Amino acid sequence: MTIREAAALLRAEILQDEFEDVSLTGAYTSDLLSDVMANAKEGGALITIQAHKNTVAVATLVNVTVIVLCNKRPIQDDMLEAARDEGIAVIRTGENQYTVSGRLWEVLKKQG
């Protein structure tokens, strides 16, 4: 499943669309950025409510390809600018993290 396919599955809006539409290798859900640094995997999605540019910095460190913001969180312009500079997609959904994690897990599990 590519980033754009994930956005469609989640009925999410794409807020930062200057990225390579690669296939996701997995996903990680956390709001604690030190936890993300320690446990998120390269090529995956980060599911969070942390809508600020530090989230982009952490995503860059672990090579996350898309940040999925949940609960329709408001987003700062500097986060989108940082994500654009790094080529990281940012999408936003009104769903909570539990629901988003479950939907992505279902599809990614089938991909193996």
PDB file of N, CA and C in Angstrom:
ATOM      1  N   MET A   1       0.850  -1.164   0.000  1.00  0.00           N
ATOM      2  CA  MET A   1       0.000   0.000   0.000  1.00  0.00           C
ATOM      3  C   MET A   1       0.899   1.232   0.000  1.00  0.00           C
ATOM      4  N   THR A   2       0.626   2.129  -0.927  1.00  0.00           N
ATOM      5  CA  THR A   2       1.399   3.364  -1.006  1.00  0.00           C
ATOM      6  C   THR A   2       0.845   4.409  -0.034  1.00  0.00           C
ATOM      7  N   ILE A   3       1.557   5.497   0.093  1.00  0.00           N
ATOM      8  CA  ILE A   3       1.118   6.586   0.964  1.00  0.00           C
ATOM      9  C   ILE A   3      -0.235   7.123   0.505  1.00  0.00           C
ATOM     10  N   ARG A   4      -0.392   7.355  -0.789  1.00  0.00           N
ATOM     11  CA  ARG A   4      -1.667   7.881  -1.297  1.00  0.00           C
ATOM     12  C   ARG A   4      -2.802   6.874  -1.109  1.00  0.00           C
ATOM     13  N   GLU A   5      -2.517   5.595  -1.259  1.00  0.00           N
ATOM     14  CA  GLU A   5      -3.532   4.574  -0.998  1.00  0.00           C
ATOM     15  C   GLU A   5      -3.919   4.558   0.480  1.00  0.00           C
ATOM     16  N   ALA A   6      -2.944   4.747   1.360  1.00  0.00           N
ATOM     17  CA  ALA A   6      -3.234   4.812   2.798  1.00  0.00           C
ATOM     18  C   ALA A   6      -4.110   6.020   3.103  1.00  0.00           C
ATOM     19  N   ALA A   7      -3.802   7.156   2.488  1.00  0.00           N
ATOM     20  CA  ALA A   7      -4.616   8.356   2.700  1.00  0.00           C
ATOM     21  C   ALA A   7      -6.054   8.109   2.262  1.00  0.00           C
ATOM     22  N   ALA A   8      -6.230   7.445   1.131  1.00  0.00           N
ATOM     23  CA  ALA A   8      -7.581   7.146   0.639  1.00  0.00           C
ATOM     24  C   ALA A   8      -8.296   6.183   1.585  1.00  0.00           C
ATOM     25  N   LEU A   9      -7.594   5.151   2.034  1.00  0.00           N
ATOM     26  CA  LEU A   9      -8.173   4.184   2.964  1.00  0.00           C
ATOM     27  C   LEU A   9      -8.659   4.869   4.243  1.00  0.00           C
ATOM     28  N   LEU A  10      -7.874   5.817   4.720  1.00  0.00           N
ATOM     29  CA  LEU A  10      -8.195   6.509   5.972  1.00  0.00           C
ATOM     30  C   LEU A  10      -9.111   7.710   5.770  1.00  0.00           C
ATOM     31  N   ARG A  11      -9.451   7.992   4.510  1.00  0.00           N
ATOM     32  CA  ARG A  11     -10.232   9.185   4.182  1.00  0.00           C
ATOM     33  C   ARG A  11      -9.568  10.424   4.786  1.00  0.00           C
ATOM     34  N   ALA A  12      -8.264  10.481   4.615  1.00  0.00           N
ATOM     35  CA  ALA A  12      -7.453  11.553   5.188  1.00  0.00           C
ATOM     36  C   ALA A  12      -7.120  12.589   4.115  1.00  0.00           C
ATOM     37  N   GLU A  13      -6.956  13.816   4.563  1.00  0.00           N
ATOM     38  CA  GLU A  13      -6.536  14.868   3.645  1.00  0.00           C
ATOM     39  C   GLU A  13      -5.010  14.902   3.610  1.00  0.00           C
ATOM     40  N   ILE A  14      -4.484  15.090   2.421  1.00  0.00           N
ATOM     41  CA  ILE A  14      -3.037  15.175   2.255  1.00  0.00           C
ATOM     42  C   ILE A  14      -2.658  16.646   2.418  1.00  0.00           C
ATOM     43  N   LEU A  15      -1.915  16.951   3.471  1.00  0.00           N
ATOM     44  CA  LEU A  15      -1.549  18.330   3.775  1.00  0.00           C
ATOM     45  C   LEU A  15      -0.213  18.721   3.166  1.00  0.00           C
ATOM     46  N   GLN A  16       0.683  17.773   3.042  1.00  0.00           N
ATOM     47  CA  GLN A  16       1.991  18.002   2.426  1.00  0.00           C
ATOM     48  C   GLN A  16       2.137  16.948   1.351  1.00  0.00           C
ATOM     49  N   ASP A  17       2.062  17.391   0.091  1.00  0.00           N
ATOM     50  CA  ASP A  17       1.973  16.423  -1.009  1.00  0.00           C
ATOM     51  C   ASP A  17       3.213  16.354  -1.892  1.00  0.00           C
ATOM     52  N   GLU A  18       4.307  16.910  -1.442  1.00  0.00           N
ATOM     53  CA  GLU A  18       5.558  16.824  -2.204  1.00  0.00           C
ATOM     54  C   GLU A  18       6.410  15.695  -1.612  1.00  0.00           C
ATOM     55  N   PHE A  19       6.112  14.466  -2.048  1.00  0.00           N
ATOM     56  CA  PHE A  19       6.784  13.285  -1.525  1.00  0.00           C
ATOM     57  C   PHE A  19       6.758  12.198  -2.586  1.00  0.00           C
ATOM     58  N   GLU A  20       7.633  11.224  -2.423  1.00  0.00           N
ATOM     59  CA  GLU A  20       7.638  10.046  -3.285  1.00  0.00           C
ATOM     60  C   GLU A  20       6.587   9.081  -2.743  1.00  0.00           C
ATOM     61  N   ASP A  21       5.685   8.645  -3.598  1.00  0.00           N
ATOM     62  CA  ASP A  21       4.573   7.792  -3.176  1.00  0.00           C
ATOM     63  C   ASP A  21       5.020   6.333  -3.084  1.00  0.00           C
ATOM     64  N   VAL A  22       5.791   6.047  -2.050  1.00  0.00           N
ATOM     65  CA  VAL A  22       6.367   4.713  -1.868  1.00  0.00           C
ATOM     66  C   VAL A  22       5.408   3.804  -1.112  1.00  0.00           C
ATOM     67  N   SER A  23       5.688   2.518  -1.163  1.00  0.00           N
ATOM     68  CA  SER A  23       4.913   1.538  -0.398  1.00  0.00           C
ATOM     69  C   SER A  23       5.333   1.596   1.065  1.00  0.00           C
ATOM     70  N   LEU A  24       4.350   1.514   1.949  1.00  0.00           N
ATOM     71  CA  LEU A  24       4.627   1.517   3.384  1.00  0.00           C
ATOM     72  C   LEU A  24       5.127   0.140   3.819  1.00  0.00           C
ATOM     73  N   THR A  25       6.101   0.150   4.706  1.00  0.00           N
ATOM     74  CA  THR A  25       6.642  -1.104   5.230  1.00  0.00           C
ATOM     75  C   THR A  25       6.050  -1.458   6.591  1.00  0.00           C
ATOM     76  N   GLY A  26       5.283  -0.546   7.152  1.00  0.00           N
ATOM     77  CA  GLY A  26       4.684  -0.764   8.457  1.00  0.00           C
ATOM     78  C   GLY A  26       4.167   0.548   9.012  1.00  0.00           C
ATOM     79  N   ALA A  27       3.882   0.557  10.305  1.00  0.00           N
ATOM     80  CA  ALA A  27       3.403   1.769  10.965  1.00  0.00           C
ATOM     81  C   ALA A  27       3.750   1.684  12.447  1.00  0.00           C
ATOM     82  N   TYR A  28       3.836   2.845  13.068  1.00  0.00           N
ATOM     83  CA  TYR A  28       4.102   2.918  14.498  1.00  0.00           C
ATOM     84  C   TYR A  28       3.237   4.022  15.084  1.00  0.00           C
ATOM     85  N   THR A  29       2.621   3.753  16.223  1.00  0.00           N
ATOM     86  CA  THR A  29       1.732   4.709  16.867  1.00  0.00           C
ATOM     87  C   THR A  29       2.329   5.152  18.195  1.00  0.00           C
ATOM     88  N   SER A  30       2.567   6.456  18.305  1.00  0.00           N
ATOM     89  CA  SER A  30       3.068   6.997  19.566  1.00  0.00           C
ATOM     90  C   SER A  30       3.001   8.515  19.532  1.00  0.00           C
ATOM     91  N   ASP A  31       2.861   9.105  20.713  1.00  0.00           N
ATOM     92  CA  ASP A  31       2.935  10.553  20.860  1.00  0.00           C
ATOM     93  C   ASP A  31       4.198  10.975  21.592  1.00  0.00           C
ATOM     94  N   LEU A  32       4.955  10.024  22.048  1.00  0.00           N
ATOM     95  CA  LEU A  32       6.200  10.296  22.743  1.00  0.00           C
ATOM     96  C   LEU A  32       7.343  10.183  21.732  1.00  0.00           C
ATOM     97  N   LEU A  33       7.926  11.310  21.375  1.00  0.00           N
ATOM     98  CA  LEU A  33       8.883  11.320  20.271  1.00  0.00           C
ATOM     99  C   LEU A  33      10.139  10.511  20.566  1.00  0.00           C
ATOM    100  N   SER A  34      10.564  10.420  21.823  1.00  0.00           N
ATOM    101  CA  SER A  34      11.716   9.574  22.144  1.00  0.00           C
ATOM    102  C   SER A  34      11.372   8.100  21.914  1.00  0.00           C
ATOM    103  N   ASP A  35      10.125   7.727  22.138  1.00  0.00           N
ATOM    104  CA  ASP A  35       9.671   6.366  21.867  1.00  0.00           C
ATOM    105  C   ASP A  35       9.687   6.094  20.359  1.00  0.00           C
ATOM    106  N   VAL A  36       9.276   7.073  19.588  1.00  0.00           N
ATOM    107  CA  VAL A  36       9.304   6.941  18.131  1.00  0.00           C
ATOM    108  C   VAL A  36      10.744   6.740  17.661  1.00  0.00           C
ATOM    109  N   MET A  37      11.671   7.537  18.187  1.00  0.00           N
ATOM    110  CA  MET A  37      13.080   7.404  17.795  1.00  0.00           C
ATOM    111  C   MET A  37      13.614   6.006  18.098  1.00  0.00           C
ATOM    112  N   ALA A  38      13.174   5.429  19.196  1.00  0.00           N
ATOM    113  CA  ALA A  38      13.689   4.128  19.611  1.00  0.00           C
ATOM    114  C   ALA A  38      13.022   2.958  18.899  1.00  0.00           C
ATOM    115  N   ASN A  39      11.778   3.145  18.415  1.00  0.00           N
ATOM    116  CA  ASN A  39      11.022   1.973  17.960  1.00  0.00           C
ATOM    117  C   ASN A  39      10.418   2.028  16.567  1.00  0.00           C
ATOM    118  N   ALA A  40      10.247   3.197  15.991  1.00  0.00           N
ATOM    119  CA  ALA A  40       9.654   3.266  14.645  1.00  0.00           C
ATOM    120  C   ALA A  40      10.633   2.686  13.629  1.00  0.00           C
ATOM    121  N   LYS A  41      10.090   2.115  12.577  1.00  0.00           N
ATOM    122  CA  LYS A  41      10.910   1.471  11.557  1.00  0.00           C
ATOM    123  C   LYS A  41      10.959   2.310  10.272  1.00  0.00           C
ATOM    124  N   GLU A  42      12.060   2.193   9.596  1.00  0.00           N
ATOM    125  CA  GLU A  42      12.260   2.891   8.332  1.00  0.00           C
ATOM    126  C   GLU A  42      11.184   2.510   7.310  1.00  0.00           C
ATOM    127  N   GLY A  43      10.695   3.506   6.587  1.00  0.00           N
ATOM    128  CA  GLY A  43       9.731   3.262   5.521  1.00  0.00           C
ATOM    129  C   GLY A  43       8.297   3.138   5.979  1.00  0.00           C
ATOM    130  N   GLY A  44       8.048   3.374   7.246  1.00  0.00           N
ATOM    131  CA  GLY A  44       6.703   3.218   7.775  1.00  0.00           C
ATOM    132  C   GLY A  44       5.980   4.534   7.965  1.00  0.00           C
ATOM    133  N   ALA A  45       4.795   4.416   8.532  1.00  0.00           N
ATOM    134  CA  ALA A  45       3.966   5.568   8.863  1.00  0.00           C
ATOM    135  C   ALA A  45       4.084   5.828  10.358  1.00  0.00           C
ATOM    136  N   LEU A  46       4.068   7.090  10.739  1.00  0.00           N
ATOM    137  CA  LEU A  46       3.995   7.479  12.139  1.00  0.00           C
ATOM    138  C   LEU A  46       2.591   7.995  12.403  1.00  0.00           C
ATOM    139  N   ILE A  47       1.880   7.334  13.291  1.00  0.00           N
ATOM    140  CA  ILE A  47       0.509   7.704  13.652  1.00  0.00           C
ATOM    141  C   ILE A  47       0.575   8.438  14.985  1.00  0.00           C
ATOM    142  N   THR A  48       0.135   9.699  15.007  1.00  0.00           N
ATOM    143  CA  THR A  48       0.334  10.537  16.184  1.00  0.00           C
ATOM    144  C   THR A  48      -0.658  11.700  16.219  1.00  0.00           C
ATOM    145  N   ILE A  49      -0.632  12.427  17.325  1.00  0.00           N
ATOM    146  CA  ILE A  49      -1.342  13.705  17.406  1.00  0.00           C
ATOM    147  C   ILE A  49      -0.350  14.857  17.556  1.00  0.00           C
ATOM    148  N   GLN A  50       0.934  14.556  17.510  1.00  0.00           N
ATOM    149  CA  GLN A  50       1.977  15.576  17.659  1.00  0.00           C
ATOM    150  C   GLN A  50       2.142  16.348  16.353  1.00  0.00           C
ATOM    151  N   ALA A  51       1.534  17.519  16.289  1.00  0.00           N
ATOM    152  CA  ALA A  51       1.488  18.305  15.046  1.00  0.00           C
ATOM    153  C   ALA A  51       2.418  19.514  15.134  1.00  0.00           C
ATOM    154  N   HIS A  52       3.724  19.244  15.171  1.00  0.00           N
ATOM    155  CA  HIS A  52       4.704  20.324  15.191  1.00  0.00           C
ATOM    156  C   HIS A  52       5.978  19.861  14.498  1.00  0.00           C
ATOM    157  N   LYS A  53       6.877  20.791  14.254  1.00  0.00           N
ATOM    158  CA  LYS A  53       8.035  20.455  13.417  1.00  0.00           C
ATOM    159  C   LYS A  53       9.006  19.488  14.083  1.00  0.00           C
ATOM    160  N   ASN A  54       8.986  19.358  15.406  1.00  0.00           N
ATOM    161  CA  ASN A  54       9.836  18.352  16.049  1.00  0.00           C
ATOM    162  C   ASN A  54       9.440  16.949  15.628  1.00  0.00           C
ATOM    163  N   THR A  55       8.177  16.750  15.318  1.00  0.00           N
ATOM    164  CA  THR A  55       7.711  15.453  14.825  1.00  0.00           C
ATOM    165  C   THR A  55       8.383  15.130  13.493  1.00  0.00           C
ATOM    166  N   VAL A  56       8.524  16.131  12.653  1.00  0.00           N
ATOM    167  CA  VAL A  56       9.204  15.945  11.365  1.00  0.00           C
ATOM    168  C   VAL A  56      10.676  15.601  11.591  1.00  0.00           C
ATOM    169  N   ALA A  57      11.319  16.286  12.526  1.00  0.00           N
ATOM    170  CA  ALA A  57      12.726  16.007  12.808  1.00  0.00           C
ATOM    171  C   ALA A  57      12.916  14.558  13.239  1.00  0.00           C
ATOM    172  N   VAL A  58      12.051  14.068  14.093  1.00  0.00           N
ATOM    173  CA  VAL A  58      12.130  12.674  14.544  1.00  0.00           C
ATOM    174  C   VAL A  58      11.827  11.724  13.391  1.00  0.00           C
ATOM    175  N   ALA A  59      10.816  12.036  12.598  1.00  0.00           N
ATOM    176  CA  ALA A  59      10.486  11.195  11.443  1.00  0.00           C
ATOM    177  C   ALA A  59      11.674  11.099  10.488  1.00  0.00           C
ATOM    178  N   THR A  60      12.389  12.184  10.333  1.00  0.00           N
ATOM    179  CA  THR A  60      13.572  12.198   9.473  1.00  0.00           C
ATOM    180  C   THR A  60      14.661  11.286  10.028  1.00  0.00           C
ATOM    181  N   LEU A  61      14.857  11.323  11.338  1.00  0.00           N
ATOM    182  CA  LEU A  61      15.884  10.487  11.972  1.00  0.00           C
ATOM    183  C   LEU A  61      15.661   8.995  11.731  1.00  0.00           C
ATOM    184  N   VAL A  62      14.408   8.573  11.758  1.00  0.00           N
ATOM    185  CA  VAL A  62      14.109   7.142  11.606  1.00  0.00           C
ATOM    186  C   VAL A  62      13.608   6.792  10.208  1.00  0.00           C
ATOM    187  N   ASN A  63      13.637   7.770   9.303  1.00  0.00           N
ATOM    188  CA  ASN A  63      13.225   7.557   7.904  1.00  0.00           C
ATOM    189  C   ASN A  63      11.776   7.115   7.757  1.00  0.00           C
ATOM    190  N   VAL A  64      10.898   7.720   8.544  1.00  0.00           N
ATOM    191  CA  VAL A  64       9.464   7.522   8.379  1.00  0.00           C
ATOM    192  C   VAL A  64       9.048   8.236   7.098  1.00  0.00           C
ATOM    193  N   THR A  65       8.146   7.647   6.328  1.00  0.00           N
ATOM    194  CA  THR A  65       7.774   8.250   5.049  1.00  0.00           C
ATOM    195  C   THR A  65       6.515   9.099   5.098  1.00  0.00           C
ATOM    196  N   VAL A  66       5.673   8.871   6.116  1.00  0.00           N
ATOM    197  CA  VAL A  66       4.430   9.646   6.231  1.00  0.00           C
ATOM    198  C   VAL A  66       4.062   9.820   7.704  1.00  0.00           C
ATOM    199  N   ILE A  67       3.637  11.019   8.033  1.00  0.00           N
ATOM    200  CA  ILE A  67       3.109  11.310   9.358  1.00  0.00           C
ATOM    201  C   ILE A  67       1.595  11.385   9.220  1.00  0.00           C
ATOM    202  N   VAL A  68       0.906  10.568  10.003  1.00  0.00           N
ATOM    203  CA  VAL A  68      -0.557  10.539  10.002  1.00  0.00           C
ATOM    204  C   VAL A  68      -1.031  11.244  11.273  1.00  0.00           C
ATOM    205  N   LEU A  69      -1.590  12.430  11.104  1.00  0.00           N
ATOM    206  CA  LEU A  69      -2.105  13.186  12.244  1.00  0.00           C
ATOM    207  C   LEU A  69      -3.563  12.804  12.472  1.00  0.00           C
ATOM    208  N   CYS A  70      -3.877  12.470  13.708  1.00  0.00           N
ATOM    209  CA  CYS A  70      -5.218  12.009  14.055  1.00  0.00           C
ATOM    210  C   CYS A  70      -6.013  13.089  14.777  1.00  0.00           C
ATOM    211  N   ASN A  71      -7.301  12.822  14.938  1.00  0.00           N
ATOM    212  CA  ASN A  71      -8.220  13.696  15.679  1.00  0.00           C
ATOM    213  C   ASN A  71      -8.315  15.099  15.084  1.00  0.00           C
ATOM    214  N   LYS A  72      -8.063  15.193  13.768  1.00  0.00           N
ATOM    215  CA  LYS A  72      -8.201  16.479  13.053  1.00  0.00           C
ATOM    216  C   LYS A  72      -7.385  17.596  13.722  1.00  0.00           C
ATOM    217  N   ARG A  73      -6.196  17.212  14.205  1.00  0.00           N
ATOM    218  CA  ARG A  73      -5.343  18.161  14.910  1.00  0.00           C
ATOM    219  C   ARG A  73      -4.988  19.348  14.019  1.00  0.00           C
ATOM    220  N   PRO A  74      -5.006  20.560  14.593  1.00  0.00           N
ATOM    221  CA  PRO A  74      -4.520  21.716  13.833  1.00  0.00           C
ATOM    222  C   PRO A  74      -3.015  21.581  13.631  1.00  0.00           C
ATOM    223  N   ILE A  75      -2.527  22.122  12.540  1.00  0.00           N
ATOM    224  CA  ILE A  75      -1.121  21.955  12.193  1.00  0.00           C
ATOM    225  C   ILE A  75      -0.480  23.315  11.950  1.00  0.00           C
ATOM    226  N   GLN A  76       0.753  23.429  12.350  1.00  0.00           N
ATOM    227  CA  GLN A  76       1.497  24.672  12.167  1.00  0.00           C
ATOM    228  C   GLN A  76       2.175  24.680  10.803  1.00  0.00           C
ATOM    229  N   ASP A  77       2.257  25.872  10.211  1.00  0.00           N
ATOM    230  CA  ASP A  77       2.879  26.007   8.891  1.00  0.00           C
ATOM    231  C   ASP A  77       4.332  25.553   8.888  1.00  0.00           C
ATOM    232  N   ASP A  78       5.063  25.790   9.979  1.00  0.00           N
ATOM    233  CA  ASP A  78       6.471  25.398   9.998  1.00  0.00           C
ATOM    234  C   ASP A  78       6.635  23.875   9.976  1.00  0.00           C
ATOM    235  N   MET A  79       5.637  23.142  10.446  1.00  0.00           N
ATOM    236  CA  MET A  79       5.697  21.681  10.342  1.00  0.00           C
ATOM    237  C   MET A  79       5.582  21.252   8.887  1.00  0.00           C
ATOM    238  N   LEU A  80       4.637  21.852   8.176  1.00  0.00           N
ATOM    239  CA  LEU A  80       4.468  21.502   6.760  1.00  0.00           C
ATOM    240  C   LEU A  80       5.701  21.891   5.954  1.00  0.00           C
ATOM    241  N   GLU A  81       6.279  23.028   6.266  1.00  0.00           N
ATOM    242  CA  GLU A  81       7.486  23.473   5.562  1.00  0.00           C
ATOM    243  C   GLU A  81       8.640  22.497   5.805  1.00  0.00           C
ATOM    244  N   ALA A  82       8.819  22.084   7.052  1.00  0.00           N
ATOM    245  CA  ALA A  82       9.878  21.126   7.376  1.00  0.00           C
ATOM    246  C   ALA A  82       9.638  19.788   6.676  1.00  0.00           C
ATOM    247  N   ALA A  83       8.392  19.336   6.666  1.00  0.00           N
ATOM    248  CA  ALA A  83       8.060  18.072   5.994  1.00  0.00           C
ATOM    249  C   ALA A  83       8.316  18.173   4.495  1.00  0.00           C
ATOM    250  N   ARG A  84       7.978  19.295   3.907  1.00  0.00           N
ATOM    251  CA  ARG A  84       8.229  19.510   2.477  1.00  0.00           C
ATOM    252  C   ARG A  84       9.732  19.455   2.205  1.00  0.00           C
ATOM    253  N   ASP A  85      10.512  20.117   3.043  1.00  0.00           N
ATOM    254  CA  ASP A  85      11.976  20.118   2.871  1.00  0.00           C
ATOM    255  C   ASP A  85      12.554  18.713   2.949  1.00  0.00           C
ATOM    256  N   GLU A  86      11.953  17.858   3.771  1.00  0.00           N
ATOM    257  CA  GLU A  86      12.454  16.495   3.973  1.00  0.00           C
ATOM    258  C   GLU A  86      11.778  15.466   3.066  1.00  0.00           C
ATOM    259  N   GLY A  87      10.738  15.869   2.326  1.00  0.00           N
ATOM    260  CA  GLY A  87      10.025  14.935   1.455  1.00  0.00           C
ATOM    261  C   GLY A  87       9.159  13.947   2.213  1.00  0.00           C
ATOM    262  N   ILE A  88       8.714  14.336   3.404  1.00  0.00           N
ATOM    263  CA  ILE A  88       7.857  13.475   4.220  1.00  0.00           C
ATOM    264  C   ILE A  88       6.408  13.894   4.025  1.00  0.00           C
ATOM    265  N   ALA A  89       5.561  12.940   3.689  1.00  0.00           N
ATOM    266  CA  ALA A  89       4.136  13.215   3.518  1.00  0.00           C
ATOM    267  C   ALA A  89       3.507  13.492   4.885  1.00  0.00           C
ATOM    268  N   VAL A  90       2.525  14.381   4.898  1.00  0.00           N
ATOM    269  CA  VAL A  90       1.741  14.639   6.106  1.00  0.00           C
ATOM    270  C   VAL A  90       0.276  14.543   5.710  1.00  0.00           C
ATOM    271  N   ILE A  91      -0.439  13.630   6.383  1.00  0.00           N
ATOM    272  CA  ILE A  91      -1.865  13.489   6.132  1.00  0.00           C
ATOM    273  C   ILE A  91      -2.600  13.642   7.454  1.00  0.00           C
ATOM    274  N   ARG A  92      -3.877  14.037   7.363  1.00  0.00           N
ATOM    275  CA  ARG A  92      -4.665  14.266   8.579  1.00  0.00           C
ATOM    276  C   ARG A  92      -6.042  13.642   8.435  1.00  0.00           C
ATOM    277  N   THR A  93      -6.474  13.029   9.536  1.00  0.00           N
ATOM    278  CA  THR A  93      -7.776  12.385   9.588  1.00  0.00           C
ATOM    279  C   THR A  93      -8.503  12.792  10.872  1.00  0.00           C
ATOM    280  N   GLY A  94      -9.801  12.693  10.848  1.00  0.00           N
ATOM    281  CA  GLY A  94     -10.592  12.947  12.040  1.00  0.00           C
ATOM    282  C   GLY A  94     -10.670  11.743  12.966  1.00  0.00           C
ATOM    283  N   GLU A  95     -10.201  10.607  12.490  1.00  0.00           N
ATOM    284  CA  GLU A  95     -10.246   9.370  13.286  1.00  0.00           C
ATOM    285  C   GLU A  95      -9.201   9.410  14.400  1.00  0.00           C
ATOM    286  N   ASN A  96      -9.422   8.589  15.427  1.00  0.00           N
ATOM    287  CA  ASN A  96      -8.444   8.517  16.518  1.00  0.00           C
ATOM    288  C   ASN A  96      -7.319   7.539  16.174  1.00  0.00           C
ATOM    289  N   GLN A  97      -6.299   7.527  16.996  1.00  0.00           N
ATOM    290  CA  GLN A  97      -5.128   6.697  16.728  1.00  0.00           C
ATOM    291  C   GLN A  97      -5.435   5.201  16.745  1.00  0.00           C
ATOM    292  N   TYR A  98      -6.309   4.783  17.602  1.00  0.00           N
ATOM    293  CA  TYR A  98      -6.687   3.376  17.683  1.00  0.00           C
ATOM    294  C   TYR A  98      -7.296   2.910  16.361  1.00  0.00           C
ATOM    295  N   THR A  99      -8.236   3.681  15.856  1.00  0.00           N
ATOM    296  CA  THR A  99      -8.915   3.329  14.605  1.00  0.00           C
ATOM    297  C   THR A  99      -7.938   3.332  13.433  1.00  0.00           C
ATOM    298  N   VAL A 100      -7.132   4.364  13.334  1.00  0.00           N
ATOM    299  CA  VAL A 100      -6.165   4.465  12.236  1.00  0.00           C
ATOM    300  C   VAL A 100      -5.179   3.304  12.299  1.00  0.00           C
ATOM    301  N   SER A 101      -4.676   3.006  13.479  1.00  0.00           N
ATOM    302  CA  SER A 101      -3.721   1.896  13.638  1.00  0.00           C
ATOM    303  C   SER A 101      -4.346   0.575  13.197  1.00  0.00           C
ATOM    304  N   GLY A 102      -5.582   0.349  13.589  1.00  0.00           N
ATOM    305  CA  GLY A 102      -6.264  -0.883  13.210  1.00  0.00           C
ATOM    306  C   GLY A 102      -6.469  -1.008  11.711  1.00  0.00           C
ATOM    307  N   ARG A 103      -6.878   0.070  11.094  1.00  0.00           N
ATOM    308  CA  ARG A 103      -7.105   0.030   9.634  1.00  0.00           C
ATOM    309  C   ARG A 103      -5.811  -0.239   8.882  1.00  0.00           C
ATOM    310  N   LEU A 104      -4.750   0.449   9.257  1.00  0.00           N
ATOM    311  CA  LEU A 104      -3.473   0.218   8.571  1.00  0.00           C
ATOM    312  C   LEU A 104      -2.936  -1.176   8.864  1.00  0.00           C
ATOM    313  N   TRP A 105      -3.057  -1.623  10.091  1.00  0.00           N
ATOM    314  CA  TRP A 105      -2.570  -2.958  10.452  1.00  0.00           C
ATOM    315  C   TRP A 105      -3.243  -4.026   9.608  1.00  0.00           C
ATOM    316  N   GLU A 106      -4.562  -3.915   9.459  1.00  0.00           N
ATOM    317  CA  GLU A 106      -5.307  -4.903   8.663  1.00  0.00           C
ATOM    318  C   GLU A 106      -4.756  -5.036   7.250  1.00  0.00           C
ATOM    319  N   VAL A 107      -4.554  -3.913   6.602  1.00  0.00           N
ATOM    320  CA  VAL A 107      -4.091  -3.935   5.215  1.00  0.00           C
ATOM    321  C   VAL A 107      -2.616  -4.362   5.132  1.00  0.00           C
ATOM    322  N   LEU A 108      -1.786  -3.806   5.988  1.00  0.00           N
ATOM    323  CA  LEU A 108      -0.357  -4.121   5.939  1.00  0.00           C
ATOM    324  C   LEU A 108      -0.090  -5.583   6.297  1.00  0.00           C
ATOM    325  N   LYS A 109      -0.894  -6.146   7.170  1.00  0.00           N
ATOM    326  CA  LYS A 109      -0.734  -7.557   7.544  1.00  0.00           C
ATOM    327  C   LYS A 109      -0.946  -8.457   6.323  1.00  0.00           C
ATOM    328  N   LYS A 110      -1.932  -8.123   5.513  1.00  0.00           N
ATOM    329  CA  LYS A 110      -2.230  -8.910   4.313  1.00  0.00           C
ATOM    330  C   LYS A 110      -1.096  -8.838   3.301  1.00  0.00           C
ATOM    331  N   GLN A 111      -0.372  -7.720   3.298  1.00  0.00           N
ATOM    332  CA  GLN A 111       0.741  -7.552   2.366  1.00  0.00           C
ATOM    333  C   GLN A 111       1.949  -8.394   2.761  1.00  0.00           C
ATOM    334  N   GLY A 112       1.978  -8.764   4.039  1.00  0.00           N
ATOM    335  CA  GLY A 112       3.065  -9.601   4.530  1.00  0.00           C
ATOM    336  C   GLY A 112       4.245  -8.803   4.860  1.00  0.00           C
TER     337      GLY A 112
END
